[in-house]
Amino acid sequence: MRTRIHTAITCAALAASAATAQADDSLNVYGFVNIGAYYLDEEDITIESYEAEETRFFERDTMVGLQVSKQITDATSATVQMTARGEDDFAVKTSLAFISHAINDSTDFRFGRLRIPFFYYSEFLDVGYAYNWVRPTGDVYGIPFAGYDGADLVKRFSFDTFDGQVQLNYGRRDKPITLFGAEYDSELNNFAGITLNLYKGNFGFRAGAQQTEMNIDSEADLATLGAILQGTPPEEAIAALTASGARRIDIAQTAAAALTAGSSKSTQDAFNFDEKDANYYNLAVNWDNGDWSAMAETAIIRFESGLYVDNIARLASVAKRFRPTTVHATSS
């Protein structure tokens, strides 16, 4: 049995408790940094995107962020968050940019570039100080994008001994997406969903559902497809296409086109990404008394396209805090 070591050191400085700069009482500037280092003792393995053959030592989990908030009126504010990640050569990107308006004491409306409301820690994905891990496990938190352009409505309420909020969101995303290490042009339209959060004492509960219409620029390789249709064994043609360095989804699109050749148009249409729905469901429970914490989270993804496999992912985690140090055990 091979020994695999994954060592990560994370330091997070979050100035959310005290603004690092204030031009006036209505302008707040916050900064945070995550610094991580890792080591894999095998040369031919990959663990959650950590590549053993890479010479980079700390870029994967190192990032800096700056968030600026401006109170425009008593009920309206503007927020912009910029981040620079080591894995992107520290290119500065706009992670968040939205206007928030308090309709009343219990209802907020936001529009602009928002965080995807998929996870228990959705609003804090970039702030490593907010959770117990170096970063959330890729099994559950493995969505290849973090934001969308649109609007949401948050309604807070109290019921019996519970406090809670309901979030409704709608928008779209028109940016390249990275899948299996390759970049694809994509459109996620009619991105809509609902999320319920409940809190009672040390306990937290979250349930959500999201749906979007996907359009991804996967294409069948016509030369390979023609060779298959003219009698070349499919396994040989696909192997040659794979060896050429073709994108993984394009390879799958080619294989699907060959296998469904001669089938009905509806069958052929089922094996592409154009205007196909994806449904995402999330359920999480959390308990935290300041010294100990425990959580469990489940993510379910259902795809209308036959090119992508439905997925169910789970995690369970227990952590103990010793002042600045947190020790945790996580299974996913």
C-alpha atoms as a PDB file:
ATOM      1  CA  MET A   1       0.000   0.000   0.000  1.00  0.00           C
ATOM      2  CA  ARG A   2       1.368   3.370  -0.969  1.00  0.00           C
ATOM      3  CA  THR A   3       1.769   6.069   1.577  1.00  0.00           C
ATOM      4  CA  ARG A   4       0.240   9.400   0.648  1.00  0.00           C
ATOM      5  CA  ILE A   5       0.981  12.516   2.622  1.00  0.00           C
ATOM      6  CA  HIS A   6      -0.897  15.739   2.142  1.00  0.00           C
ATOM      7  CA  THR A   7       0.368  18.502   4.331  1.00  0.00           C
ATOM      8  CA  ALA A   8      -1.218  21.916   4.232  1.00  0.00           C
ATOM      9  CA  ILE A   9      -0.466  24.928   6.339  1.00  0.00           C
ATOM     10  CA  THR A  10      -3.035  27.669   6.231  1.00  0.00           C
ATOM     11  CA  CYS A  11      -2.806  31.090   7.721  1.00  0.00           C
ATOM     12  CA  ALA A  12      -5.791  33.349   7.307  1.00  0.00           C
ATOM     13  CA  ALA A  13      -5.881  36.956   8.344  1.00  0.00           C
ATOM     14  CA  LEU A  14      -9.377  38.360   8.221  1.00  0.00           C
ATOM     15  CA  ALA A  15      -9.878  42.003   8.996  1.00  0.00           C
ATOM     16  CA  ALA A  16     -13.641  41.684   9.170  1.00  0.00           C
ATOM     17  CA  SER A  17     -13.572  42.392  12.879  1.00  0.00           C
ATOM     18  CA  ALA A  18     -11.886  45.741  12.330  1.00  0.00           C
ATOM     19  CA  ALA A  19     -11.734  47.620   9.065  1.00  0.00           C
ATOM     20  CA  THR A  20      -8.194  48.068   7.839  1.00  0.00           C
ATOM     21  CA  ALA A  21      -9.043  51.454   6.404  1.00  0.00           C
ATOM     22  CA  GLN A  22     -11.937  53.823   6.742  1.00  0.00           C
ATOM     23  CA  ALA A  23     -12.236  56.948   4.654  1.00  0.00           C
ATOM     24  CA  ASP A  24     -15.406  57.865   6.520  1.00  0.00           C
ATOM     25  CA  ASP A  25     -18.082  56.215   8.609  1.00  0.00           C
ATOM     26  CA  SER A  26     -19.858  54.875   5.505  1.00  0.00           C
ATOM     27  CA  LEU A  27     -16.831  53.408   3.701  1.00  0.00           C
ATOM     28  CA  ASN A  28     -15.316  50.143   4.924  1.00  0.00           C
ATOM     29  CA  VAL A  29     -12.310  48.345   3.464  1.00  0.00           C
ATOM     30  CA  TYR A  30     -11.601  44.774   4.538  1.00  0.00           C
ATOM     31  CA  GLY A  31      -8.715  42.518   3.603  1.00  0.00           C
ATOM     32  CA  PHE A  32      -8.007  38.820   4.001  1.00  0.00           C
ATOM     33  CA  VAL A  33      -5.269  36.411   2.972  1.00  0.00           C
ATOM     34  CA  ASN A  34      -5.034  32.621   2.881  1.00  0.00           C
ATOM     35  CA  ILE A  35      -1.527  31.144   2.752  1.00  0.00           C
ATOM     36  CA  GLY A  36      -1.244  27.406   2.137  1.00  0.00           C
ATOM     37  CA  ALA A  37       1.549  24.944   1.364  1.00  0.00           C
ATOM     38  CA  TYR A  38       1.326  21.297   0.373  1.00  0.00           C
ATOM     39  CA  TYR A  39       3.509  18.266  -0.264  1.00  0.00           C
ATOM     40  CA  LEU A  40       2.712  14.912  -1.926  1.00  0.00           C
ATOM     41  CA  ASP A  41       5.168  12.078  -1.381  1.00  0.00           C
ATOM     42  CA  GLU A  42       4.225  10.224  -4.597  1.00  0.00           C
ATOM     43  CA  GLU A  43       4.940  11.335  -8.155  1.00  0.00           C
ATOM     44  CA  ASP A  44       2.021   9.671  -9.911  1.00  0.00           C
ATOM     45  CA  ILE A  45      -1.032  10.622  -7.860  1.00  0.00           C
ATOM     46  CA  THR A  46      -3.448  13.515  -7.666  1.00  0.00           C
ATOM     47  CA  ILE A  47      -5.468  14.448  -4.596  1.00  0.00           C
ATOM     48  CA  GLU A  48      -8.238  17.003  -5.069  1.00  0.00           C
ATOM     49  CA  SER A  49      -6.315  18.891  -7.776  1.00  0.00           C
ATOM     50  CA  TYR A  50      -2.952  18.724  -6.010  1.00  0.00           C
ATOM     51  CA  GLU A  51      -0.520  17.579  -8.714  1.00  0.00           C
ATOM     52  CA  ALA A  52       2.581  15.807  -7.401  1.00  0.00           C
ATOM     53  CA  GLU A  53       4.662  16.638 -10.475  1.00  0.00           C
ATOM     54  CA  GLU A  54       4.020  20.370 -10.191  1.00  0.00           C
ATOM     55  CA  THR A  55       6.954  22.432  -8.979  1.00  0.00           C
ATOM     56  CA  ARG A  56       4.621  24.969  -7.365  1.00  0.00           C
ATOM     57  CA  PHE A  57       4.518  24.527  -3.619  1.00  0.00           C
ATOM     58  CA  PHE A  58       2.065  27.069  -2.248  1.00  0.00           C
ATOM     59  CA  GLU A  59       0.052  28.572  -5.132  1.00  0.00           C
ATOM     60  CA  ARG A  60      -2.844  26.126  -4.951  1.00  0.00           C
ATOM     61  CA  ASP A  61      -4.187  27.410  -1.629  1.00  0.00           C
ATOM     62  CA  THR A  62      -2.770  30.916  -1.477  1.00  0.00           C
ATOM     63  CA  MET A  63      -4.911  33.926  -2.261  1.00  0.00           C
ATOM     64  CA  VAL A  64      -5.490  37.508  -1.166  1.00  0.00           C
ATOM     65  CA  GLY A  65      -8.711  39.455  -1.165  1.00  0.00           C
ATOM     66  CA  LEU A  66      -9.940  43.005  -0.706  1.00  0.00           C
ATOM     67  CA  GLN A  67     -13.543  43.981  -0.094  1.00  0.00           C
ATOM     68  CA  VAL A  68     -14.882  47.527  -0.187  1.00  0.00           C
ATOM     69  CA  SER A  69     -18.362  48.428   1.069  1.00  0.00           C
ATOM     70  CA  LYS A  70     -19.972  51.847   0.770  1.00  0.00           C
ATOM     71  CA  GLN A  71     -23.189  52.909   2.473  1.00  0.00           C
ATOM     72  CA  ILE A  72     -25.063  54.962  -0.126  1.00  0.00           C
ATOM     73  CA  THR A  73     -28.200  55.671   1.878  1.00  0.00           C
ATOM     74  CA  ASP A  74     -29.589  54.346   5.146  1.00  0.00           C
ATOM     75  CA  ALA A  75     -31.115  51.432   3.217  1.00  0.00           C
ATOM     76  CA  THR A  76     -28.742  50.987   0.274  1.00  0.00           C
ATOM     77  CA  SER A  77     -25.104  49.928   0.055  1.00  0.00           C
ATOM     78  CA  ALA A  78     -22.607  48.836  -2.594  1.00  0.00           C
ATOM     79  CA  THR A  79     -20.025  46.064  -2.204  1.00  0.00           C
ATOM     80  CA  VAL A  80     -17.077  45.045  -4.393  1.00  0.00           C
ATOM     81  CA  GLN A  81     -14.714  42.164  -3.635  1.00  0.00           C
ATOM     82  CA  MET A  82     -11.462  41.619  -5.554  1.00  0.00           C
ATOM     83  CA  THR A  83      -9.399  38.445  -5.244  1.00  0.00           C
ATOM     84  CA  ALA A  84      -6.044  37.256  -6.570  1.00  0.00           C
ATOM     85  CA  ARG A  85      -5.260  33.526  -6.484  1.00  0.00           C
ATOM     86  CA  GLY A  86      -1.890  31.857  -6.708  1.00  0.00           C
ATOM     87  CA  GLU A  87      -3.230  29.192  -9.073  1.00  0.00           C
ATOM     88  CA  ASP A  88      -4.179  32.019 -11.490  1.00  0.00           C
ATOM     89  CA  ASP A  89      -0.758  33.702 -11.213  1.00  0.00           C
ATOM     90  CA  PHE A  90      -2.360  36.221  -8.827  1.00  0.00           C
ATOM     91  CA  ALA A  91      -4.420  37.838 -11.561  1.00  0.00           C
ATOM     92  CA  VAL A  92      -6.898  40.222  -9.925  1.00  0.00           C
ATOM     93  CA  LYS A  93     -10.549  39.302 -10.529  1.00  0.00           C
ATOM     94  CA  THR A  94     -13.868  40.672  -9.376  1.00  0.00           C
ATOM     95  CA  SER A  95     -15.472  38.008  -7.201  1.00  0.00           C
ATOM     96  CA  LEU A  96     -18.420  40.065  -5.971  1.00  0.00           C
ATOM     97  CA  ALA A  97     -19.951  43.363  -7.095  1.00  0.00           C
ATOM     98  CA  PHE A  98     -23.494  44.109  -6.006  1.00  0.00           C
ATOM     99  CA  ILE A  99     -25.951  46.686  -4.712  1.00  0.00           C
ATOM    100  CA  SER A 100     -27.929  45.768  -1.602  1.00  0.00           C
ATOM    101  CA  HIS A 101     -31.180  47.471  -0.605  1.00  0.00           C
ATOM    102  CA  ALA A 102     -33.094  46.883   2.627  1.00  0.00           C
ATOM    103  CA  ILE A 103     -36.761  46.844   1.667  1.00  0.00           C
ATOM    104  CA  ASN A 104     -37.641  46.675   5.360  1.00  0.00           C
ATOM    105  CA  ASP A 105     -36.106  45.443   8.606  1.00  0.00           C
ATOM    106  CA  SER A 106     -36.414  41.795   7.550  1.00  0.00           C
ATOM    107  CA  THR A 107     -36.089  41.836   3.753  1.00  0.00           C
ATOM    108  CA  ASP A 108     -33.038  42.591   1.589  1.00  0.00           C
ATOM    109  CA  PHE A 109     -32.768  42.772  -2.192  1.00  0.00           C
ATOM    110  CA  ARG A 110     -29.395  42.462  -3.975  1.00  0.00           C
ATOM    111  CA  PHE A 111     -28.404  42.602  -7.615  1.00  0.00           C
ATOM    112  CA  GLY A 112     -25.110  42.392  -9.468  1.00  0.00           C
ATOM    113  CA  ARG A 113     -22.406  39.706  -9.303  1.00  0.00           C
ATOM    114  CA  LEU A 114     -23.335  37.352  -6.469  1.00  0.00           C
ATOM    115  CA  ARG A 115     -22.015  34.165  -4.934  1.00  0.00           C
ATOM    116  CA  ILE A 116     -23.679  30.921  -6.002  1.00  0.00           C
ATOM    117  CA  PRO A 117     -25.940  29.796  -3.104  1.00  0.00           C
ATOM    118  CA  PHE A 118     -25.046  26.119  -3.434  1.00  0.00           C
ATOM    119  CA  PHE A 119     -23.304  25.344  -0.156  1.00  0.00           C
ATOM    120  CA  TYR A 120     -23.451  25.840   3.584  1.00  0.00           C
ATOM    121  CA  TYR A 121     -20.350  28.055   3.307  1.00  0.00           C
ATOM    122  CA  SER A 122     -21.284  29.674  -0.002  1.00  0.00           C
ATOM    123  CA  GLU A 123     -20.872  33.237   1.218  1.00  0.00           C
ATOM    124  CA  PHE A 124     -17.436  32.527   2.727  1.00  0.00           C
ATOM    125  CA  LEU A 125     -15.751  30.263   0.169  1.00  0.00           C
ATOM    126  CA  ASP A 126     -12.789  32.600  -0.270  1.00  0.00           C
ATOM    127  CA  VAL A 127     -12.280  33.254   3.433  1.00  0.00           C
ATOM    128  CA  GLY A 128     -10.424  30.247   4.827  1.00  0.00           C
ATOM    129  CA  TYR A 129     -10.766  31.596   8.367  1.00  0.00           C
ATOM    130  CA  ALA A 130     -14.530  30.991   8.220  1.00  0.00           C
ATOM    131  CA  TYR A 131     -14.338  27.173   8.234  1.00  0.00           C
ATOM    132  CA  ASN A 132     -12.211  24.460   9.801  1.00  0.00           C
ATOM    133  CA  TRP A 133     -10.536  23.085   6.669  1.00  0.00           C
ATOM    134  CA  VAL A 134      -7.647  24.332   4.569  1.00  0.00           C
ATOM    135  CA  ARG A 135     -10.378  24.515   1.941  1.00  0.00           C
ATOM    136  CA  PRO A 136     -13.704  22.694   1.614  1.00  0.00           C
ATOM    137  CA  THR A 137     -13.554  19.153   0.266  1.00  0.00           C
ATOM    138  CA  GLY A 138     -13.727  18.948  -3.514  1.00  0.00           C
ATOM    139  CA  ASP A 139     -16.266  16.117  -3.460  1.00  0.00           C
ATOM    140  CA  VAL A 140     -19.100  18.285  -2.161  1.00  0.00           C
ATOM    141  CA  TYR A 141     -17.761  21.758  -3.036  1.00  0.00           C
ATOM    142  CA  GLY A 142     -16.507  20.782  -6.491  1.00  0.00           C
ATOM    143  CA  ILE A 143     -18.607  23.166  -8.622  1.00  0.00           C
ATOM    144  CA  PRO A 144     -16.264  24.710 -11.255  1.00  0.00           C
ATOM    145  CA  PHE A 145     -17.515  28.281 -10.799  1.00  0.00           C
ATOM    146  CA  ALA A 146     -18.307  30.487  -7.829  1.00  0.00           C
ATOM    147  CA  GLY A 147     -20.473  33.374  -8.993  1.00  0.00           C
ATOM    148  CA  TYR A 148     -23.276  34.489 -11.272  1.00  0.00           C
ATOM    149  CA  ASP A 149     -24.828  37.746 -12.446  1.00  0.00           C
ATOM    150  CA  GLY A 150     -28.363  38.299 -11.227  1.00  0.00           C
ATOM    151  CA  ALA A 151     -30.440  39.146  -8.171  1.00  0.00           C
ATOM    152  CA  ASP A 152     -31.655  37.611  -4.945  1.00  0.00           C
ATOM    153  CA  LEU A 153     -34.243  38.359  -2.295  1.00  0.00           C
ATOM    154  CA  VAL A 154     -33.584  37.400   1.334  1.00  0.00           C
ATOM    155  CA  LYS A 155     -36.405  37.279   3.871  1.00  0.00           C
ATOM    156  CA  ARG A 156     -35.531  36.799   7.549  1.00  0.00           C
ATOM    157  CA  PHE A 157     -38.086  35.462  10.021  1.00  0.00           C
ATOM    158  CA  SER A 158     -38.615  33.941  13.466  1.00  0.00           C
ATOM    159  CA  PHE A 159     -40.784  30.912  14.165  1.00  0.00           C
ATOM    160  CA  ASP A 160     -41.304  29.570  17.667  1.00  0.00           C
ATOM    161  CA  THR A 161     -37.712  29.183  18.969  1.00  0.00           C
ATOM    162  CA  PHE A 162     -36.134  29.212  15.491  1.00  0.00           C
ATOM    163  CA  ASP A 163     -34.595  32.046  13.526  1.00  0.00           C
ATOM    164  CA  GLY A 164     -34.299  31.638   9.794  1.00  0.00           C
ATOM    165  CA  GLN A 165     -34.183  33.105   6.338  1.00  0.00           C
ATOM    166  CA  VAL A 166     -35.436  32.236   2.870  1.00  0.00           C
ATOM    167  CA  GLN A 167     -33.415  33.231  -0.184  1.00  0.00           C
ATOM    168  CA  LEU A 168     -34.785  33.390  -3.729  1.00  0.00           C
ATOM    169  CA  ASN A 169     -32.297  33.933  -6.571  1.00  0.00           C
ATOM    170  CA  TYR A 170     -32.317  34.321 -10.339  1.00  0.00           C
ATOM    171  CA  GLY A 171     -29.652  35.134 -12.918  1.00  0.00           C
ATOM    172  CA  ARG A 172     -27.232  33.795 -15.508  1.00  0.00           C
ATOM    173  CA  ARG A 173     -23.552  33.170 -16.113  1.00  0.00           C
ATOM    174  CA  ASP A 174     -21.825  33.783 -19.446  1.00  0.00           C
ATOM    175  CA  LYS A 175     -18.161  32.978 -18.865  1.00  0.00           C
ATOM    176  CA  PRO A 176     -15.720  30.192 -19.748  1.00  0.00           C
ATOM    177  CA  ILE A 177     -15.835  27.192 -17.454  1.00  0.00           C
ATOM    178  CA  THR A 178     -13.040  24.736 -16.659  1.00  0.00           C
ATOM    179  CA  LEU A 179     -13.944  21.035 -16.725  1.00  0.00           C
ATOM    180  CA  PHE A 180     -11.440  18.169 -16.458  1.00  0.00           C
ATOM    181  CA  GLY A 181      -8.578  20.620 -16.836  1.00  0.00           C
ATOM    182  CA  ALA A 182      -9.830  22.167 -20.098  1.00  0.00           C
ATOM    183  CA  GLU A 183     -11.639  25.452 -20.736  1.00  0.00           C
ATOM    184  CA  TYR A 184     -15.018  25.592 -22.484  1.00  0.00           C
ATOM    185  CA  ASP A 185     -17.135  28.550 -23.509  1.00  0.00           C
ATOM    186  CA  SER A 186     -20.424  28.250 -21.635  1.00  0.00           C
ATOM    187  CA  GLU A 187     -23.737  29.882 -20.858  1.00  0.00           C
ATOM    188  CA  LEU A 188     -25.802  29.064 -17.798  1.00  0.00           C
ATOM    189  CA  ASN A 189     -29.206  30.634 -18.368  1.00  0.00           C
ATOM    190  CA  ASN A 190     -32.266  30.893 -16.137  1.00  0.00           C
ATOM    191  CA  PHE A 191     -30.190  30.212 -13.057  1.00  0.00           C
ATOM    192  CA  ALA A 192     -32.865  30.051 -10.350  1.00  0.00           C
ATOM    193  CA  GLY A 193     -33.384  28.551  -6.934  1.00  0.00           C
ATOM    194  CA  ILE A 194     -34.552  28.730  -3.345  1.00  0.00           C
ATOM    195  CA  THR A 195     -32.643  28.227  -0.089  1.00  0.00           C
ATOM    196  CA  LEU A 196     -33.885  27.829   3.475  1.00  0.00           C
ATOM    197  CA  ASN A 197     -31.668  28.407   6.534  1.00  0.00           C
ATOM    198  CA  LEU A 198     -32.803  27.695  10.102  1.00  0.00           C
ATOM    199  CA  TYR A 199     -30.918  28.429  13.333  1.00  0.00           C
ATOM    200  CA  LYS A 200     -31.541  27.463  16.933  1.00  0.00           C
ATOM    201  CA  GLY A 201     -28.870  27.952  19.558  1.00  0.00           C
ATOM    202  CA  ASN A 202     -25.737  26.116  18.401  1.00  0.00           C
ATOM    203  CA  PHE A 203     -27.552  24.346  15.589  1.00  0.00           C
ATOM    204  CA  GLY A 204     -27.859  25.332  11.934  1.00  0.00           C
ATOM    205  CA  PHE A 205     -29.813  23.726   9.088  1.00  0.00           C
ATOM    206  CA  ARG A 206     -29.750  24.448   5.366  1.00  0.00           C
ATOM    207  CA  ALA A 207     -31.724  23.068   2.418  1.00  0.00           C
ATOM    208  CA  GLY A 208     -31.638  24.379  -1.124  1.00  0.00           C
ATOM    209  CA  ALA A 209     -32.488  23.626  -4.738  1.00  0.00           C
ATOM    210  CA  GLN A 210     -31.119  25.266  -7.885  1.00  0.00           C
ATOM    211  CA  GLN A 211     -31.725  24.793 -11.604  1.00  0.00           C
ATOM    212  CA  THR A 212     -30.009  26.167 -14.687  1.00  0.00           C
ATOM    213  CA  GLU A 213     -30.073  25.645 -18.446  1.00  0.00           C
ATOM    214  CA  MET A 214     -26.608  24.702 -19.680  1.00  0.00           C
ATOM    215  CA  ASN A 215     -24.977  25.523 -22.992  1.00  0.00           C
ATOM    216  CA  ILE A 216     -21.370  24.283 -23.339  1.00  0.00           C
ATOM    217  CA  ASP A 217     -19.339  24.394 -26.547  1.00  0.00           C
ATOM    218  CA  SER A 218     -18.605  20.659 -26.726  1.00  0.00           C
ATOM    219  CA  GLU A 219     -18.164  19.458 -30.309  1.00  0.00           C
ATOM    220  CA  ALA A 220     -17.701  16.073 -31.942  1.00  0.00           C
ATOM    221  CA  ASP A 221     -14.460  15.694 -33.897  1.00  0.00           C
ATOM    222  CA  LEU A 222     -15.799  15.299 -37.442  1.00  0.00           C
ATOM    223  CA  ALA A 223     -12.694  13.549 -38.798  1.00  0.00           C
ATOM    224  CA  THR A 224     -12.777  10.940 -36.037  1.00  0.00           C
ATOM    225  CA  LEU A 225     -16.538  10.553 -36.347  1.00  0.00           C
ATOM    226  CA  GLY A 226     -16.224  10.068 -40.119  1.00  0.00           C
ATOM    227  CA  ALA A 227     -13.524   7.429 -39.633  1.00  0.00           C
ATOM    228  CA  ILE A 228     -15.757   5.518 -37.226  1.00  0.00           C
ATOM    229  CA  LEU A 229     -18.719   5.674 -39.577  1.00  0.00           C
ATOM    230  CA  GLN A 230     -16.519   4.431 -42.426  1.00  0.00           C
ATOM    231  CA  GLY A 231     -15.502   1.304 -40.538  1.00  0.00           C
ATOM    232  CA  THR A 232     -12.596   2.223 -38.281  1.00  0.00           C
ATOM    233  CA  PRO A 233     -13.096   0.435 -34.928  1.00  0.00           C
ATOM    234  CA  PRO A 234     -14.495   3.013 -32.481  1.00  0.00           C
ATOM    235  CA  GLU A 235     -12.023   2.123 -29.733  1.00  0.00           C
ATOM    236  CA  GLU A 236      -9.082   2.754 -32.089  1.00  0.00           C
ATOM    237  CA  ALA A 237     -10.461   6.042 -33.358  1.00  0.00           C
ATOM    238  CA  ILE A 238     -11.304   7.318 -29.854  1.00  0.00           C
ATOM    239  CA  ALA A 239      -7.875   6.243 -28.555  1.00  0.00           C
ATOM    240  CA  ALA A 240      -6.203   8.223 -31.342  1.00  0.00           C
ATOM    241  CA  LEU A 241      -8.382  11.246 -30.574  1.00  0.00           C
ATOM    242  CA  THR A 242      -7.488  11.000 -26.888  1.00  0.00           C
ATOM    243  CA  ALA A 243      -3.775  10.763 -27.697  1.00  0.00           C
ATOM    244  CA  SER A 244      -4.077  13.934 -29.792  1.00  0.00           C
ATOM    245  CA  GLY A 245      -4.841  15.935 -26.634  1.00  0.00           C
ATOM    246  CA  ALA A 246      -8.488  16.632 -27.459  1.00  0.00           C
ATOM    247  CA  ARG A 247     -10.692  17.947 -24.662  1.00  0.00           C
ATOM    248  CA  ARG A 248     -12.376  15.245 -22.617  1.00  0.00           C
ATOM    249  CA  ILE A 249     -15.958  16.371 -23.243  1.00  0.00           C
ATOM    250  CA  ASP A 250     -15.256  16.682 -26.984  1.00  0.00           C
ATOM    251  CA  ILE A 251     -14.055  13.071 -26.921  1.00  0.00           C
ATOM    252  CA  ALA A 252     -17.251  12.041 -25.137  1.00  0.00           C
ATOM    253  CA  GLN A 253     -19.296  14.030 -27.666  1.00  0.00           C
ATOM    254  CA  THR A 254     -17.566  12.196 -30.540  1.00  0.00           C
ATOM    255  CA  ALA A 255     -18.178   8.792 -28.971  1.00  0.00           C
ATOM    256  CA  ALA A 256     -21.819   9.629 -28.269  1.00  0.00           C
ATOM    257  CA  ALA A 257     -22.369  10.847 -31.840  1.00  0.00           C
ATOM    258  CA  ALA A 258     -20.899   7.602 -33.195  1.00  0.00           C
ATOM    259  CA  LEU A 259     -22.959   5.375 -30.897  1.00  0.00           C
ATOM    260  CA  THR A 260     -26.227   7.212 -31.631  1.00  0.00           C
ATOM    261  CA  ALA A 261     -25.710   7.478 -35.403  1.00  0.00           C
ATOM    262  CA  GLY A 262     -28.864   6.199 -37.057  1.00  0.00           C
ATOM    263  CA  SER A 263     -30.927   6.708 -33.900  1.00  0.00           C
ATOM    264  CA  SER A 264     -33.824   9.128 -33.604  1.00  0.00           C
ATOM    265  CA  LYS A 265     -33.132  12.856 -33.472  1.00  0.00           C
ATOM    266  CA  SER A 266     -34.333  12.998 -29.864  1.00  0.00           C
ATOM    267  CA  THR A 267     -31.837  10.317 -28.859  1.00  0.00           C
ATOM    268  CA  GLN A 268     -28.986  12.127 -30.604  1.00  0.00           C
ATOM    269  CA  ASP A 269     -30.047  15.420 -29.049  1.00  0.00           C
ATOM    270  CA  ALA A 270     -29.972  13.906 -25.546  1.00  0.00           C
ATOM    271  CA  PHE A 271     -26.187  13.491 -25.798  1.00  0.00           C
ATOM    272  CA  ASN A 272     -25.077  17.108 -25.945  1.00  0.00           C
ATOM    273  CA  PHE A 273     -24.992  20.111 -23.621  1.00  0.00           C
ATOM    274  CA  ASP A 274     -27.121  22.537 -25.625  1.00  0.00           C
ATOM    275  CA  GLU A 275     -30.110  23.821 -23.646  1.00  0.00           C
ATOM    276  CA  LYS A 276     -29.968  20.965 -21.156  1.00  0.00           C
ATOM    277  CA  ASP A 277     -31.048  21.484 -17.554  1.00  0.00           C
ATOM    278  CA  ALA A 278     -28.899  20.778 -14.529  1.00  0.00           C
ATOM    279  CA  ASN A 279     -30.500  20.471 -11.094  1.00  0.00           C
ATOM    280  CA  TYR A 280     -28.599  20.909  -7.850  1.00  0.00           C
ATOM    281  CA  TYR A 281     -29.833  20.009  -4.359  1.00  0.00           C
ATOM    282  CA  ASN A 282     -28.083  20.691  -1.057  1.00  0.00           C
ATOM    283  CA  LEU A 283     -28.766  19.630   2.516  1.00  0.00           C
ATOM    284  CA  ALA A 284     -26.566  20.488   5.518  1.00  0.00           C
ATOM    285  CA  VAL A 285     -26.691  20.420   9.315  1.00  0.00           C
ATOM    286  CA  ASN A 286     -24.189  22.103  11.612  1.00  0.00           C
ATOM    287  CA  TRP A 287     -23.514  22.294  15.355  1.00  0.00           C
ATOM    288  CA  ASP A 288     -20.929  24.631  16.865  1.00  0.00           C
ATOM    289  CA  ASN A 289     -20.483  25.669  20.505  1.00  0.00           C
ATOM    290  CA  GLY A 290     -17.232  27.578  19.979  1.00  0.00           C
ATOM    291  CA  ASP A 291     -14.940  24.788  21.193  1.00  0.00           C
ATOM    292  CA  TRP A 292     -16.359  21.839  19.247  1.00  0.00           C
ATOM    293  CA  SER A 293     -18.097  21.760  15.898  1.00  0.00           C
ATOM    294  CA  ALA A 294     -19.682  19.063  13.761  1.00  0.00           C
ATOM    295  CA  MET A 295     -21.356  19.183  10.385  1.00  0.00           C
ATOM    296  CA  ALA A 296     -22.712  16.968   7.641  1.00  0.00           C
ATOM    297  CA  GLU A 297     -23.499  18.084   4.105  1.00  0.00           C
ATOM    298  CA  THR A 298     -24.892  16.396   1.010  1.00  0.00           C
ATOM    299  CA  ALA A 299     -24.867  17.680  -2.574  1.00  0.00           C
ATOM    300  CA  ILE A 300     -26.858  16.075  -5.400  1.00  0.00           C
ATOM    301  CA  ILE A 301     -26.487  17.030  -9.074  1.00  0.00           C
ATOM    302  CA  ARG A 302     -28.845  15.730 -11.773  1.00  0.00           C
ATOM    303  CA  PHE A 303     -28.101  16.355 -15.455  1.00  0.00           C
ATOM    304  CA  GLU A 304     -30.566  16.230 -18.320  1.00  0.00           C
ATOM    305  CA  SER A 305     -27.675  15.671 -20.734  1.00  0.00           C
ATOM    306  CA  GLY A 306     -26.547  12.082 -21.187  1.00  0.00           C
ATOM    307  CA  LEU A 307     -22.934  13.261 -21.513  1.00  0.00           C
ATOM    308  CA  TYR A 308     -22.599  14.027 -17.824  1.00  0.00           C
ATOM    309  CA  VAL A 309     -23.058  11.589 -14.953  1.00  0.00           C
ATOM    310  CA  ASP A 310     -25.375  12.411 -12.046  1.00  0.00           C
ATOM    311  CA  ASN A 311     -23.546  12.713  -8.770  1.00  0.00           C
ATOM    312  CA  ILE A 312     -24.224  12.431  -5.035  1.00  0.00           C
ATOM    313  CA  ALA A 313     -21.484  13.646  -2.674  1.00  0.00           C
ATOM    314  CA  ARG A 314     -21.395  13.741   1.121  1.00  0.00           C
ATOM    315  CA  LEU A 315     -19.119  14.957   3.869  1.00  0.00           C
ATOM    316  CA  ALA A 316     -19.063  14.609   7.631  1.00  0.00           C
ATOM    317  CA  SER A 317     -16.672  16.546   9.834  1.00  0.00           C
ATOM    318  CA  VAL A 318     -15.874  16.959  13.533  1.00  0.00           C
ATOM    319  CA  ALA A 319     -13.461  19.612  14.833  1.00  0.00           C
ATOM    320  CA  LYS A 320     -11.949  20.698  18.153  1.00  0.00           C
ATOM    321  CA  ARG A 321     -10.469  24.154  18.623  1.00  0.00           C
ATOM    322  CA  PHE A 322      -7.424  24.770  20.812  1.00  0.00           C
ATOM    323  CA  ARG A 323      -7.238  28.561  20.772  1.00  0.00           C
ATOM    324  CA  PRO A 324      -5.574  29.444  17.408  1.00  0.00           C
ATOM    325  CA  THR A 325      -5.311  25.762  16.367  1.00  0.00           C
ATOM    326  CA  THR A 326      -8.144  23.596  15.052  1.00  0.00           C
ATOM    327  CA  VAL A 327      -7.907  19.828  14.727  1.00  0.00           C
ATOM    328  CA  HIS A 328     -10.544  18.125  12.580  1.00  0.00           C
ATOM    329  CA  ALA A 329     -11.481  14.780  11.106  1.00  0.00           C
ATOM    330  CA  THR A 330     -13.389  14.874   7.824  1.00  0.00           C
ATOM    331  CA  SER A 331     -14.785  12.068   5.696  1.00  0.00           C
ATOM    332  CA  SER A 332     -16.142  12.603   2.181  1.00  0.00           C
END
